[in-house]
Amino acid sequence: MTTATGILVLLAAAAVTAVLIVLLQPVLQRYALARPNARSSHSTPTPQGGGIAVMLAAIAALAGVALLAPNTLTEPWRLAIVFAAAGALAIVGATDDIRPLEAWPRLALQAIAVVVVLALALPADLRVLPMLPWWVERVLMTIAVLWLVNLVNFMDGIDWMTVAEVVPVTAALAYFGWRGALPADATTVAVVLCGAMLGFAPFNKPVAQLFLGDVGSLPIGLLLGWLLVRLAENHLAAAVLLPLYYVADATITLLRRLVRGDNITQAHRSHYYQQAVDHGMSVYAVIGGIFTTNVALAVLASATLTTPPSLQVVALLCGAGVVTVLLLRFSRAKRR
């Protein structure tokens, strides 16, 4: 995909998302209101389900590429599997948005979608950790992608949160694809997902008119997981760096709750970014810190594409340091 084509596809995905949101908002306002709960940052009922527009726009943009520039996609049948699984997760998420599902059945359905993608939509000879047996690597990969699906959902707790994560990550992935570090099909998916999230962003800006909902966060997590696996095949350090803030905040929070004996299936406001908001930091300050950190992680990830392993370790340590500084800043926010 040329740079000009990529920009056109990105803009098309953004435009389609915005149009679909305008068309869907009356329906979402009536049938998909998110009412405040223990996890919420909003105090009034707000429509959710913006993820419907994001996913439909991404699919439409991808279909447009397949029709108008078919040579861009090398294995469209694999993409069909990925998006079919993402669509199944969107249905699970939509159901959960309207009538909450029990945690374990929901997790089982997510696991099925992840297994389908890893079993059918990846090359059989793809290896990330070749020193491990193939089946051990696939088990670890399944756990990692399943965790990413859930943590994108867990972390979608304030306005612009998922935008601040997905836009820099997918933009970086698209750039890596332009540099030849990511397969063409994955690069195209990164472009359409980035564009779709940009189209959603104006409606989710603080104070949000619309939330993404589980219908969006779950399939987005799956798409990100698949993209990062494709990147990790040849650039593991970059694949670790890109989502590092999300992984750190969600994982440390989960471990702390387990240590305290909390019920980890219940809604909560224990994430570092939630603590910062509760202690008086503005949503804009929190999101600005996250976005800036993600850009810094993307720069470090880009540097690892052409550096030897020793310098990749340095980049990983720098990334861990950047994330640690942000988490400490959030945890030390003073109450007002």
C-alpha atoms as a PDB file:
ATOM      1  CA  MET A   1       0.000   0.000   0.000  1.00  0.00           C
ATOM      2  CA  THR A   2       1.417   3.368  -1.018  1.00  0.00           C
ATOM      3  CA  THR A   3       1.417   6.295   1.387  1.00  0.00           C
ATOM      4  CA  ALA A   4      -1.229   8.128  -0.662  1.00  0.00           C
ATOM      5  CA  THR A   5      -3.489   5.073  -0.734  1.00  0.00           C
ATOM      6  CA  GLY A   6      -3.017   4.554   2.988  1.00  0.00           C
ATOM      7  CA  ILE A   7      -4.057   8.146   3.739  1.00  0.00           C
ATOM      8  CA  LEU A   8      -7.155   7.818   1.542  1.00  0.00           C
ATOM      9  CA  VAL A   9      -8.148   4.556   3.230  1.00  0.00           C
ATOM     10  CA  LEU A  10      -7.601   6.085   6.681  1.00  0.00           C
ATOM     11  CA  LEU A  11      -9.733   9.134   5.839  1.00  0.00           C
ATOM     12  CA  ALA A  12     -12.444   6.951   4.313  1.00  0.00           C
ATOM     13  CA  ALA A  13     -12.619   4.789   7.436  1.00  0.00           C
ATOM     14  CA  ALA A  14     -12.831   7.898   9.624  1.00  0.00           C
ATOM     15  CA  ALA A  15     -15.600   9.422   7.493  1.00  0.00           C
ATOM     16  CA  VAL A  16     -17.659   6.229   7.401  1.00  0.00           C
ATOM     17  CA  THR A  17     -17.376   5.875  11.177  1.00  0.00           C
ATOM     18  CA  ALA A  18     -18.585   9.437  11.752  1.00  0.00           C
ATOM     19  CA  VAL A  19     -21.538   9.036   9.379  1.00  0.00           C
ATOM     20  CA  LEU A  20     -22.566   5.729  10.943  1.00  0.00           C
ATOM     21  CA  ILE A  21     -22.397   7.209  14.443  1.00  0.00           C
ATOM     22  CA  VAL A  22     -24.683  10.071  13.447  1.00  0.00           C
ATOM     23  CA  LEU A  23     -27.146   7.560  11.989  1.00  0.00           C
ATOM     24  CA  LEU A  24     -26.940   5.174  14.944  1.00  0.00           C
ATOM     25  CA  GLN A  25     -27.020   7.649  17.827  1.00  0.00           C
ATOM     26  CA  PRO A  26     -30.838   7.891  18.123  1.00  0.00           C
ATOM     27  CA  VAL A  27     -31.093   4.099  18.332  1.00  0.00           C
ATOM     28  CA  LEU A  28     -28.236   3.850  20.844  1.00  0.00           C
ATOM     29  CA  GLN A  29     -29.735   6.655  22.894  1.00  0.00           C
ATOM     30  CA  ARG A  30     -32.927   4.642  23.183  1.00  0.00           C
ATOM     31  CA  TYR A  31     -31.668   1.090  23.594  1.00  0.00           C
ATOM     32  CA  ALA A  32     -28.021   1.182  24.754  1.00  0.00           C
ATOM     33  CA  LEU A  33     -27.646   3.645  27.600  1.00  0.00           C
ATOM     34  CA  ALA A  34     -24.695   3.060  29.926  1.00  0.00           C
ATOM     35  CA  ARG A  35     -25.848   3.839  33.425  1.00  0.00           C
ATOM     36  CA  PRO A  36     -23.278   4.810  36.074  1.00  0.00           C
ATOM     37  CA  ASN A  37     -21.855   1.956  38.175  1.00  0.00           C
ATOM     38  CA  ALA A  38     -18.873   1.310  40.447  1.00  0.00           C
ATOM     39  CA  ARG A  39     -16.487   1.501  37.484  1.00  0.00           C
ATOM     40  CA  SER A  40     -17.948   4.561  35.778  1.00  0.00           C
ATOM     41  CA  SER A  41     -16.407   7.992  35.403  1.00  0.00           C
ATOM     42  CA  HIS A  42     -19.670   9.517  34.143  1.00  0.00           C
ATOM     43  CA  SER A  43     -22.550  10.590  36.371  1.00  0.00           C
ATOM     44  CA  THR A  44     -25.398  10.597  33.849  1.00  0.00           C
ATOM     45  CA  PRO A  45     -26.643   7.842  31.500  1.00  0.00           C
ATOM     46  CA  THR A  46     -24.732   7.992  28.206  1.00  0.00           C
ATOM     47  CA  PRO A  47     -25.333   5.963  25.041  1.00  0.00           C
ATOM     48  CA  GLN A  48     -22.802   3.248  24.301  1.00  0.00           C
ATOM     49  CA  GLY A  49     -22.240   1.152  21.216  1.00  0.00           C
ATOM     50  CA  GLY A  50     -19.964   3.412  19.200  1.00  0.00           C
ATOM     51  CA  GLY A  51     -17.925   0.292  18.558  1.00  0.00           C
ATOM     52  CA  ILE A  52     -20.624  -0.846  16.113  1.00  0.00           C
ATOM     53  CA  ALA A  53     -19.729   2.066  13.836  1.00  0.00           C
ATOM     54  CA  VAL A  54     -15.985   1.517  14.338  1.00  0.00           C
ATOM     55  CA  MET A  55     -16.155  -2.140  13.350  1.00  0.00           C
ATOM     56  CA  LEU A  56     -18.541  -1.623  10.425  1.00  0.00           C
ATOM     57  CA  ALA A  57     -16.377   1.204   9.089  1.00  0.00           C
ATOM     58  CA  ALA A  58     -13.207  -0.878   9.403  1.00  0.00           C
ATOM     59  CA  ILE A  59     -14.865  -3.745   7.524  1.00  0.00           C
ATOM     60  CA  ALA A  60     -16.227  -1.383   4.854  1.00  0.00           C
ATOM     61  CA  ALA A  61     -12.825   0.245   4.341  1.00  0.00           C
ATOM     62  CA  LEU A  62     -11.136  -3.148   4.124  1.00  0.00           C
ATOM     63  CA  ALA A  63     -13.747  -4.337   1.607  1.00  0.00           C
ATOM     64  CA  GLY A  64     -13.094  -1.182  -0.414  1.00  0.00           C
ATOM     65  CA  VAL A  65      -9.396  -1.983  -0.533  1.00  0.00           C
ATOM     66  CA  ALA A  66     -10.158  -5.557  -1.611  1.00  0.00           C
ATOM     67  CA  LEU A  67     -12.381  -4.319  -4.454  1.00  0.00           C
ATOM     68  CA  LEU A  68     -10.392  -1.315  -5.657  1.00  0.00           C
ATOM     69  CA  ALA A  69      -6.836  -2.479  -4.975  1.00  0.00           C
ATOM     70  CA  PRO A  70      -7.026  -6.287  -4.731  1.00  0.00           C
ATOM     71  CA  ASN A  71      -3.271  -6.724  -5.102  1.00  0.00           C
ATOM     72  CA  THR A  72      -2.830  -4.957  -1.758  1.00  0.00           C
ATOM     73  CA  LEU A  73      -4.165  -7.964   0.153  1.00  0.00           C
ATOM     74  CA  THR A  74      -2.184 -11.186  -0.112  1.00  0.00           C
ATOM     75  CA  GLU A  75      -4.337 -13.559   1.964  1.00  0.00           C
ATOM     76  CA  PRO A  76      -7.883 -12.154   2.173  1.00  0.00           C
ATOM     77  CA  TRP A  77      -9.251 -15.437   3.489  1.00  0.00           C
ATOM     78  CA  ARG A  78      -7.154 -15.065   6.639  1.00  0.00           C
ATOM     79  CA  LEU A  79      -8.525 -11.548   7.107  1.00  0.00           C
ATOM     80  CA  ALA A  80     -12.036 -12.914   6.679  1.00  0.00           C
ATOM     81  CA  ILE A  81     -11.397 -15.304   9.580  1.00  0.00           C
ATOM     82  CA  VAL A  82      -9.969 -12.526  11.762  1.00  0.00           C
ATOM     83  CA  PHE A  83     -12.925 -10.234  11.152  1.00  0.00           C
ATOM     84  CA  ALA A  84     -15.457 -13.056  11.512  1.00  0.00           C
ATOM     85  CA  ALA A  85     -14.014 -13.782  14.960  1.00  0.00           C
ATOM     86  CA  ALA A  86     -13.978 -10.053  15.768  1.00  0.00           C
ATOM     87  CA  GLY A  87     -17.608  -9.855  14.653  1.00  0.00           C
ATOM     88  CA  ALA A  88     -18.499 -12.735  16.953  1.00  0.00           C
ATOM     89  CA  LEU A  89     -16.849 -10.883  19.843  1.00  0.00           C
ATOM     90  CA  ALA A  90     -18.763  -7.743  18.865  1.00  0.00           C
ATOM     91  CA  ILE A  91     -22.004  -9.721  19.227  1.00  0.00           C
ATOM     92  CA  VAL A  92     -20.870 -10.962  22.640  1.00  0.00           C
ATOM     93  CA  GLY A  93     -20.008  -7.384  23.596  1.00  0.00           C
ATOM     94  CA  ALA A  94     -23.316  -5.985  22.314  1.00  0.00           C
ATOM     95  CA  THR A  95     -25.203  -8.589  24.336  1.00  0.00           C
ATOM     96  CA  ASP A  96     -23.175  -7.698  27.408  1.00  0.00           C
ATOM     97  CA  ASP A  97     -23.817  -3.976  26.860  1.00  0.00           C
ATOM     98  CA  ILE A  98     -27.573  -4.513  26.856  1.00  0.00           C
ATOM     99  CA  ARG A  99     -27.873  -7.350  29.376  1.00  0.00           C
ATOM    100  CA  PRO A 100     -24.661  -8.138  31.288  1.00  0.00           C
ATOM    101  CA  LEU A 101     -23.362 -11.688  30.923  1.00  0.00           C
ATOM    102  CA  GLU A 102     -21.732 -13.757  33.641  1.00  0.00           C
ATOM    103  CA  ALA A 103     -17.949 -13.391  33.690  1.00  0.00           C
ATOM    104  CA  TRP A 104     -16.946 -16.990  32.990  1.00  0.00           C
ATOM    105  CA  PRO A 105     -19.249 -17.687  30.016  1.00  0.00           C
ATOM    106  CA  ARG A 106     -18.103 -14.389  28.526  1.00  0.00           C
ATOM    107  CA  LEU A 107     -14.463 -15.384  29.017  1.00  0.00           C
ATOM    108  CA  ALA A 108     -15.093 -18.773  27.397  1.00  0.00           C
ATOM    109  CA  LEU A 109     -16.608 -17.149  24.300  1.00  0.00           C
ATOM    110  CA  GLN A 110     -13.648 -14.779  24.075  1.00  0.00           C
ATOM    111  CA  ALA A 111     -11.240 -17.710  24.346  1.00  0.00           C
ATOM    112  CA  ILE A 112     -12.981 -19.502  21.470  1.00  0.00           C
ATOM    113  CA  ALA A 113     -12.608 -16.424  19.253  1.00  0.00           C
ATOM    114  CA  VAL A 114      -8.922 -16.097  20.137  1.00  0.00           C
ATOM    115  CA  VAL A 115      -8.228 -19.789  19.468  1.00  0.00           C
ATOM    116  CA  VAL A 116      -9.975 -19.591  16.087  1.00  0.00           C
ATOM    117  CA  VAL A 117      -7.846 -16.620  15.031  1.00  0.00           C
ATOM    118  CA  LEU A 118      -4.557 -18.144  16.204  1.00  0.00           C
ATOM    119  CA  ALA A 119      -5.350 -21.569  14.738  1.00  0.00           C
ATOM    120  CA  LEU A 120      -6.745 -20.493  11.369  1.00  0.00           C
ATOM    121  CA  ALA A 121      -5.573 -16.956  10.632  1.00  0.00           C
ATOM    122  CA  LEU A 122      -1.853 -17.327  11.306  1.00  0.00           C
ATOM    123  CA  PRO A 123       0.700 -19.110   9.122  1.00  0.00           C
ATOM    124  CA  ALA A 124       1.355 -22.564  10.580  1.00  0.00           C
ATOM    125  CA  ASP A 125       5.102 -21.920  10.588  1.00  0.00           C
ATOM    126  CA  LEU A 126       4.869 -18.558  12.398  1.00  0.00           C
ATOM    127  CA  ARG A 127       7.191 -18.560  15.408  1.00  0.00           C
ATOM    128  CA  VAL A 128       7.760 -15.875  18.009  1.00  0.00           C
ATOM    129  CA  LEU A 129       9.748 -17.877  20.556  1.00  0.00           C
ATOM    130  CA  PRO A 130      11.371 -20.654  18.497  1.00  0.00           C
ATOM    131  CA  MET A 131      13.302 -21.962  21.502  1.00  0.00           C
ATOM    132  CA  LEU A 132       9.982 -23.247  22.908  1.00  0.00           C
ATOM    133  CA  PRO A 133       7.949 -26.190  21.593  1.00  0.00           C
ATOM    134  CA  TRP A 134       5.332 -25.046  19.075  1.00  0.00           C
ATOM    135  CA  TRP A 135       2.394 -26.011  21.278  1.00  0.00           C
ATOM    136  CA  VAL A 136       3.811 -24.225  24.332  1.00  0.00           C
ATOM    137  CA  GLU A 137       4.280 -21.077  22.280  1.00  0.00           C
ATOM    138  CA  ARG A 138       0.679 -21.293  21.002  1.00  0.00           C
ATOM    139  CA  VAL A 139      -0.674 -21.721  24.545  1.00  0.00           C
ATOM    140  CA  LEU A 140       1.276 -18.661  25.726  1.00  0.00           C
ATOM    141  CA  MET A 141       0.140 -16.736  22.661  1.00  0.00           C
ATOM    142  CA  THR A 142      -3.489 -17.634  23.391  1.00  0.00           C
ATOM    143  CA  ILE A 143      -3.192 -16.406  26.981  1.00  0.00           C
ATOM    144  CA  ALA A 144      -1.507 -13.187  25.858  1.00  0.00           C
ATOM    145  CA  VAL A 145      -4.100 -12.339  23.202  1.00  0.00           C
ATOM    146  CA  LEU A 146      -6.992 -13.279  25.501  1.00  0.00           C
ATOM    147  CA  TRP A 147      -5.542 -10.978  28.146  1.00  0.00           C
ATOM    148  CA  LEU A 148      -5.210  -8.182  25.585  1.00  0.00           C
ATOM    149  CA  VAL A 149      -8.879  -8.605  24.580  1.00  0.00           C
ATOM    150  CA  ASN A 150      -9.875  -8.204  28.209  1.00  0.00           C
ATOM    151  CA  LEU A 151      -7.499  -5.440  29.179  1.00  0.00           C
ATOM    152  CA  VAL A 152      -8.683  -3.219  26.307  1.00  0.00           C
ATOM    153  CA  ASN A 153     -12.157  -3.694  27.765  1.00  0.00           C
ATOM    154  CA  PHE A 154     -10.978  -3.113  31.357  1.00  0.00           C
ATOM    155  CA  MET A 155      -9.038   0.024  30.468  1.00  0.00           C
ATOM    156  CA  ASP A 156     -11.886   1.666  28.537  1.00  0.00           C
ATOM    157  CA  GLY A 157     -13.008   3.585  31.610  1.00  0.00           C
ATOM    158  CA  ILE A 158     -12.742   7.294  30.774  1.00  0.00           C
ATOM    159  CA  ASP A 159     -13.408   9.461  27.733  1.00  0.00           C
ATOM    160  CA  TRP A 160     -10.837   9.172  24.919  1.00  0.00           C
ATOM    161  CA  MET A 161      -9.038   6.350  26.741  1.00  0.00           C
ATOM    162  CA  THR A 162      -9.181   3.760  23.969  1.00  0.00           C
ATOM    163  CA  VAL A 163      -8.563   6.439  21.351  1.00  0.00           C
ATOM    164  CA  ALA A 164      -5.349   7.452  23.155  1.00  0.00           C
ATOM    165  CA  GLU A 165      -4.213   3.825  23.046  1.00  0.00           C
ATOM    166  CA  VAL A 166      -5.399   2.511  19.696  1.00  0.00           C
ATOM    167  CA  VAL A 167      -4.562   5.510  17.498  1.00  0.00           C
ATOM    168  CA  PRO A 168      -0.816   5.725  18.314  1.00  0.00           C
ATOM    169  CA  VAL A 169      -0.438   1.925  18.351  1.00  0.00           C
ATOM    170  CA  THR A 170      -2.156   1.382  14.993  1.00  0.00           C
ATOM    171  CA  ALA A 171      -0.430   4.416  13.466  1.00  0.00           C
ATOM    172  CA  ALA A 172       2.899   2.944  14.541  1.00  0.00           C
ATOM    173  CA  LEU A 173       1.941  -0.450  13.107  1.00  0.00           C
ATOM    174  CA  ALA A 174       0.972   1.162   9.805  1.00  0.00           C
ATOM    175  CA  TYR A 175       4.319   2.963   9.721  1.00  0.00           C
ATOM    176  CA  PHE A 176       6.134  -0.273  10.505  1.00  0.00           C
ATOM    177  CA  GLY A 177       4.289  -1.895   7.615  1.00  0.00           C
ATOM    178  CA  TRP A 178       5.409   0.908   5.322  1.00  0.00           C
ATOM    179  CA  ARG A 179       8.966   0.096   6.423  1.00  0.00           C
ATOM    180  CA  GLY A 180       8.427  -3.580   5.606  1.00  0.00           C
ATOM    181  CA  ALA A 181       8.285  -4.788   9.207  1.00  0.00           C
ATOM    182  CA  LEU A 182       4.656  -5.939   9.028  1.00  0.00           C
ATOM    183  CA  PRO A 183       2.853  -7.992   6.344  1.00  0.00           C
ATOM    184  CA  ALA A 184       0.720  -6.055   3.851  1.00  0.00           C
ATOM    185  CA  ASP A 185      -2.590  -7.448   5.118  1.00  0.00           C
ATOM    186  CA  ALA A 186      -1.808  -6.548   8.729  1.00  0.00           C
ATOM    187  CA  THR A 187      -0.671  -3.081   7.639  1.00  0.00           C
ATOM    188  CA  THR A 188      -4.003  -2.515   5.916  1.00  0.00           C
ATOM    189  CA  VAL A 189      -5.909  -3.601   9.023  1.00  0.00           C
ATOM    190  CA  ALA A 190      -3.841  -1.181  11.124  1.00  0.00           C
ATOM    191  CA  VAL A 191      -4.695   1.666   8.744  1.00  0.00           C
ATOM    192  CA  VAL A 192      -8.453   0.992   8.696  1.00  0.00           C
ATOM    193  CA  LEU A 193      -8.626   0.542  12.481  1.00  0.00           C
ATOM    194  CA  CYS A 194      -6.680   3.763  13.058  1.00  0.00           C
ATOM    195  CA  GLY A 195      -8.993   5.645  10.712  1.00  0.00           C
ATOM    196  CA  ALA A 196     -12.134   4.206  12.284  1.00  0.00           C
ATOM    197  CA  MET A 197     -10.970   5.239  15.768  1.00  0.00           C
ATOM    198  CA  LEU A 198     -10.186   8.746  14.532  1.00  0.00           C
ATOM    199  CA  GLY A 199     -13.756   8.968  13.244  1.00  0.00           C
ATOM    200  CA  PHE A 200     -15.038   7.902  16.656  1.00  0.00           C
ATOM    201  CA  ALA A 201     -12.823  10.331  18.595  1.00  0.00           C
ATOM    202  CA  PRO A 202     -14.927  13.539  18.212  1.00  0.00           C
ATOM    203  CA  PHE A 203     -17.957  11.812  19.731  1.00  0.00           C
ATOM    204  CA  ASN A 204     -15.978  10.438  22.671  1.00  0.00           C
ATOM    205  CA  LYS A 205     -14.088  13.614  23.605  1.00  0.00           C
ATOM    206  CA  PRO A 206     -14.648  14.764  27.185  1.00  0.00           C
ATOM    207  CA  VAL A 207     -17.476  15.042  28.108  1.00  0.00           C
ATOM    208  CA  ALA A 208     -18.382  12.096  25.875  1.00  0.00           C
ATOM    209  CA  GLN A 209     -21.576  11.992  23.826  1.00  0.00           C
ATOM    210  CA  LEU A 210     -20.987   8.306  23.120  1.00  0.00           C
ATOM    211  CA  PHE A 211     -19.036   5.388  24.556  1.00  0.00           C
ATOM    212  CA  LEU A 212     -17.338   2.613  22.639  1.00  0.00           C
ATOM    213  CA  GLY A 213     -18.995  -0.164  24.632  1.00  0.00           C
ATOM    214  CA  ASP A 214     -17.969  -3.803  24.890  1.00  0.00           C
ATOM    215  CA  VAL A 215     -19.234  -4.180  21.330  1.00  0.00           C
ATOM    216  CA  GLY A 216     -16.163  -2.173  20.321  1.00  0.00           C
ATOM    217  CA  SER A 217     -13.538  -2.842  22.971  1.00  0.00           C
ATOM    218  CA  LEU A 218     -13.606  -6.653  22.687  1.00  0.00           C
ATOM    219  CA  PRO A 219     -13.136  -6.926  18.882  1.00  0.00           C
ATOM    220  CA  ILE A 220     -10.610  -4.083  18.926  1.00  0.00           C
ATOM    221  CA  GLY A 221      -8.616  -6.021  21.516  1.00  0.00           C
ATOM    222  CA  LEU A 222      -8.688  -9.088  19.271  1.00  0.00           C
ATOM    223  CA  LEU A 223      -7.558  -7.119  16.207  1.00  0.00           C
ATOM    224  CA  LEU A 224      -4.732  -5.526  18.195  1.00  0.00           C
ATOM    225  CA  GLY A 225      -3.685  -8.921  19.499  1.00  0.00           C
ATOM    226  CA  TRP A 226      -3.540 -10.389  15.992  1.00  0.00           C
ATOM    227  CA  LEU A 227      -1.600  -7.365  14.712  1.00  0.00           C
ATOM    228  CA  LEU A 228       0.932  -7.574  17.542  1.00  0.00           C
ATOM    229  CA  VAL A 229       1.445 -11.306  16.969  1.00  0.00           C
ATOM    230  CA  ARG A 230       2.185 -10.615  13.305  1.00  0.00           C
ATOM    231  CA  LEU A 231       4.686  -7.946  14.377  1.00  0.00           C
ATOM    232  CA  ALA A 232       6.232 -10.197  17.049  1.00  0.00           C
ATOM    233  CA  GLU A 233       7.106 -12.810  14.433  1.00  0.00           C
ATOM    234  CA  ASN A 234      10.163 -10.756  13.457  1.00  0.00           C
ATOM    235  CA  HIS A 235      10.161  -7.860  15.935  1.00  0.00           C
ATOM    236  CA  LEU A 236       9.293  -9.135  19.405  1.00  0.00           C
ATOM    237  CA  ALA A 237      10.711  -6.126  21.262  1.00  0.00           C
ATOM    238  CA  ALA A 238       8.555  -3.734  19.239  1.00  0.00           C
ATOM    239  CA  ALA A 239       5.453  -5.866  19.865  1.00  0.00           C
ATOM    240  CA  VAL A 240       6.124  -5.775  23.616  1.00  0.00           C
ATOM    241  CA  LEU A 241       6.755  -2.025  23.705  1.00  0.00           C
ATOM    242  CA  LEU A 242       3.675  -0.808  21.836  1.00  0.00           C
ATOM    243  CA  PRO A 243       0.997  -1.933  24.346  1.00  0.00           C
ATOM    244  CA  LEU A 244       3.259  -1.694  27.394  1.00  0.00           C
ATOM    245  CA  TYR A 245       1.312   0.992  29.272  1.00  0.00           C
ATOM    246  CA  TYR A 246      -2.011  -0.835  28.915  1.00  0.00           C
ATOM    247  CA  VAL A 247      -0.451  -4.155  29.885  1.00  0.00           C
ATOM    248  CA  ALA A 248       1.319  -2.672  32.908  1.00  0.00           C
ATOM    249  CA  ASP A 249      -1.654  -0.752  34.316  1.00  0.00           C
ATOM    250  CA  ALA A 250      -4.128  -3.611  33.842  1.00  0.00           C
ATOM    251  CA  THR A 251      -1.796  -6.414  34.977  1.00  0.00           C
ATOM    252  CA  ILE A 252      -0.465  -4.675  38.085  1.00  0.00           C
ATOM    253  CA  THR A 253      -4.003  -3.665  39.050  1.00  0.00           C
ATOM    254  CA  LEU A 254      -5.242  -7.243  38.655  1.00  0.00           C
ATOM    255  CA  LEU A 255      -2.374  -8.626  40.766  1.00  0.00           C
ATOM    256  CA  ARG A 256      -2.974  -6.048  43.498  1.00  0.00           C
ATOM    257  CA  ARG A 257      -6.661  -6.950  43.619  1.00  0.00           C
ATOM    258  CA  LEU A 258      -5.832 -10.650  43.808  1.00  0.00           C
ATOM    259  CA  VAL A 259      -3.454 -10.007  46.711  1.00  0.00           C
ATOM    260  CA  ARG A 260      -6.148  -8.027  48.524  1.00  0.00           C
ATOM    261  CA  GLY A 261      -8.650 -10.830  47.974  1.00  0.00           C
ATOM    262  CA  ASP A 262     -10.991  -8.678  45.877  1.00  0.00           C
ATOM    263  CA  ASN A 263     -13.543 -10.251  43.566  1.00  0.00           C
ATOM    264  CA  ILE A 264     -11.804  -9.707  40.226  1.00  0.00           C
ATOM    265  CA  THR A 265     -15.019 -10.190  38.251  1.00  0.00           C
ATOM    266  CA  GLN A 266     -16.687  -7.148  39.821  1.00  0.00           C
ATOM    267  CA  ALA A 267     -16.558  -3.584  38.448  1.00  0.00           C
ATOM    268  CA  HIS A 268     -13.993  -1.379  40.182  1.00  0.00           C
ATOM    269  CA  ARG A 269     -12.017   1.853  39.946  1.00  0.00           C
ATOM    270  CA  SER A 270      -8.570   0.582  40.938  1.00  0.00           C
ATOM    271  CA  HIS A 271      -6.622   1.231  37.739  1.00  0.00           C
ATOM    272  CA  TYR A 272      -3.892   3.835  37.988  1.00  0.00           C
ATOM    273  CA  TYR A 273      -5.574   6.174  35.514  1.00  0.00           C
ATOM    274  CA  GLN A 274      -8.835   5.933  37.488  1.00  0.00           C
ATOM    275  CA  GLN A 275      -7.031   6.751  40.726  1.00  0.00           C
ATOM    276  CA  ALA A 276      -5.541   9.822  39.059  1.00  0.00           C
ATOM    277  CA  VAL A 277      -8.975  11.071  37.972  1.00  0.00           C
ATOM    278  CA  ASP A 278     -10.473  10.318  41.389  1.00  0.00           C
ATOM    279  CA  HIS A 279      -7.648  12.279  43.037  1.00  0.00           C
ATOM    280  CA  GLY A 280      -8.306  15.375  40.957  1.00  0.00           C
ATOM    281  CA  MET A 281      -6.339  15.092  37.717  1.00  0.00           C
ATOM    282  CA  SER A 282      -8.407  16.229  34.767  1.00  0.00           C
ATOM    283  CA  VAL A 283      -9.373  13.708  32.115  1.00  0.00           C
ATOM    284  CA  TYR A 284      -7.395  15.774  29.606  1.00  0.00           C
ATOM    285  CA  ALA A 285      -4.257  15.580  31.794  1.00  0.00           C
ATOM    286  CA  VAL A 286      -4.604  11.817  32.230  1.00  0.00           C
ATOM    287  CA  ILE A 287      -5.283  11.164  28.549  1.00  0.00           C
ATOM    288  CA  GLY A 288      -2.479  13.527  27.555  1.00  0.00           C
ATOM    289  CA  GLY A 289      -0.040  11.591  29.725  1.00  0.00           C
ATOM    290  CA  ILE A 290      -1.172   8.268  28.264  1.00  0.00           C
ATOM    291  CA  PHE A 291      -1.056   9.501  24.676  1.00  0.00           C
ATOM    292  CA  THR A 292       2.413  11.009  25.145  1.00  0.00           C
ATOM    293  CA  THR A 293       3.656   7.803  26.762  1.00  0.00           C
ATOM    294  CA  ASN A 294       2.261   5.724  23.891  1.00  0.00           C
ATOM    295  CA  VAL A 295       4.001   7.958  21.364  1.00  0.00           C
ATOM    296  CA  ALA A 296       7.273   7.536  23.274  1.00  0.00           C
ATOM    297  CA  LEU A 297       6.766   3.751  23.304  1.00  0.00           C
ATOM    298  CA  ALA A 298       6.090   3.825  19.554  1.00  0.00           C
ATOM    299  CA  VAL A 299       9.344   5.735  18.972  1.00  0.00           C
ATOM    300  CA  LEU A 300      11.261   3.182  21.057  1.00  0.00           C
ATOM    301  CA  ALA A 301       9.527   0.336  19.220  1.00  0.00           C
ATOM    302  CA  SER A 302      10.508   1.876  15.894  1.00  0.00           C
ATOM    303  CA  ALA A 303      14.127   2.070  17.021  1.00  0.00           C
ATOM    304  CA  THR A 304      14.183  -1.676  17.756  1.00  0.00           C
ATOM    305  CA  LEU A 305      13.321  -2.593  14.169  1.00  0.00           C
ATOM    306  CA  THR A 306      16.893  -2.060  12.990  1.00  0.00           C
ATOM    307  CA  THR A 307      18.976  -2.379  16.160  1.00  0.00           C
ATOM    308  CA  PRO A 308      20.873  -5.410  17.543  1.00  0.00           C
ATOM    309  CA  PRO A 309      19.431  -7.407  20.477  1.00  0.00           C
ATOM    310  CA  SER A 310      21.570  -5.591  23.046  1.00  0.00           C
ATOM    311  CA  LEU A 311      20.089  -2.233  22.081  1.00  0.00           C
ATOM    312  CA  GLN A 312      16.605  -3.741  21.945  1.00  0.00           C
ATOM    313  CA  VAL A 313      17.027  -4.636  25.617  1.00  0.00           C
ATOM    314  CA  VAL A 314      17.987  -1.017  26.304  1.00  0.00           C
ATOM    315  CA  ALA A 315      14.845   0.147  24.472  1.00  0.00           C
ATOM    316  CA  LEU A 316      12.702  -2.248  26.542  1.00  0.00           C
ATOM    317  CA  LEU A 317      14.224  -0.916  29.756  1.00  0.00           C
ATOM    318  CA  CYS A 318      13.616   2.659  28.618  1.00  0.00           C
ATOM    319  CA  GLY A 319      10.022   1.773  27.798  1.00  0.00           C
ATOM    320  CA  ALA A 320       9.545   0.215  31.224  1.00  0.00           C
ATOM    321  CA  GLY A 321      10.985   3.368  32.765  1.00  0.00           C
ATOM    322  CA  VAL A 322       8.640   5.648  30.823  1.00  0.00           C
ATOM    323  CA  VAL A 323       5.616   3.576  31.866  1.00  0.00           C
ATOM    324  CA  THR A 324       6.774   3.461  35.496  1.00  0.00           C
ATOM    325  CA  VAL A 325       7.065   7.252  35.600  1.00  0.00           C
ATOM    326  CA  LEU A 326       3.491   7.609  34.328  1.00  0.00           C
ATOM    327  CA  LEU A 327       2.101   5.063  36.788  1.00  0.00           C
ATOM    328  CA  LEU A 328       3.880   6.791  39.688  1.00  0.00           C
ATOM    329  CA  ARG A 329       2.538  10.135  38.512  1.00  0.00           C
ATOM    330  CA  PHE A 330      -0.997   8.726  38.488  1.00  0.00           C
ATOM    331  CA  SER A 331      -0.667   6.989  41.857  1.00  0.00           C
ATOM    332  CA  ARG A 332       0.731  10.122  43.527  1.00  0.00           C
ATOM    333  CA  ALA A 333      -1.877  12.532  42.222  1.00  0.00           C
ATOM    334  CA  LYS A 334      -3.023  14.647  45.165  1.00  0.00           C
ATOM    335  CA  ARG A 335      -6.626  14.736  46.246  1.00  0.00           C
ATOM    336  CA  ARG A 336      -8.372  18.048  45.786  1.00  0.00           C
END
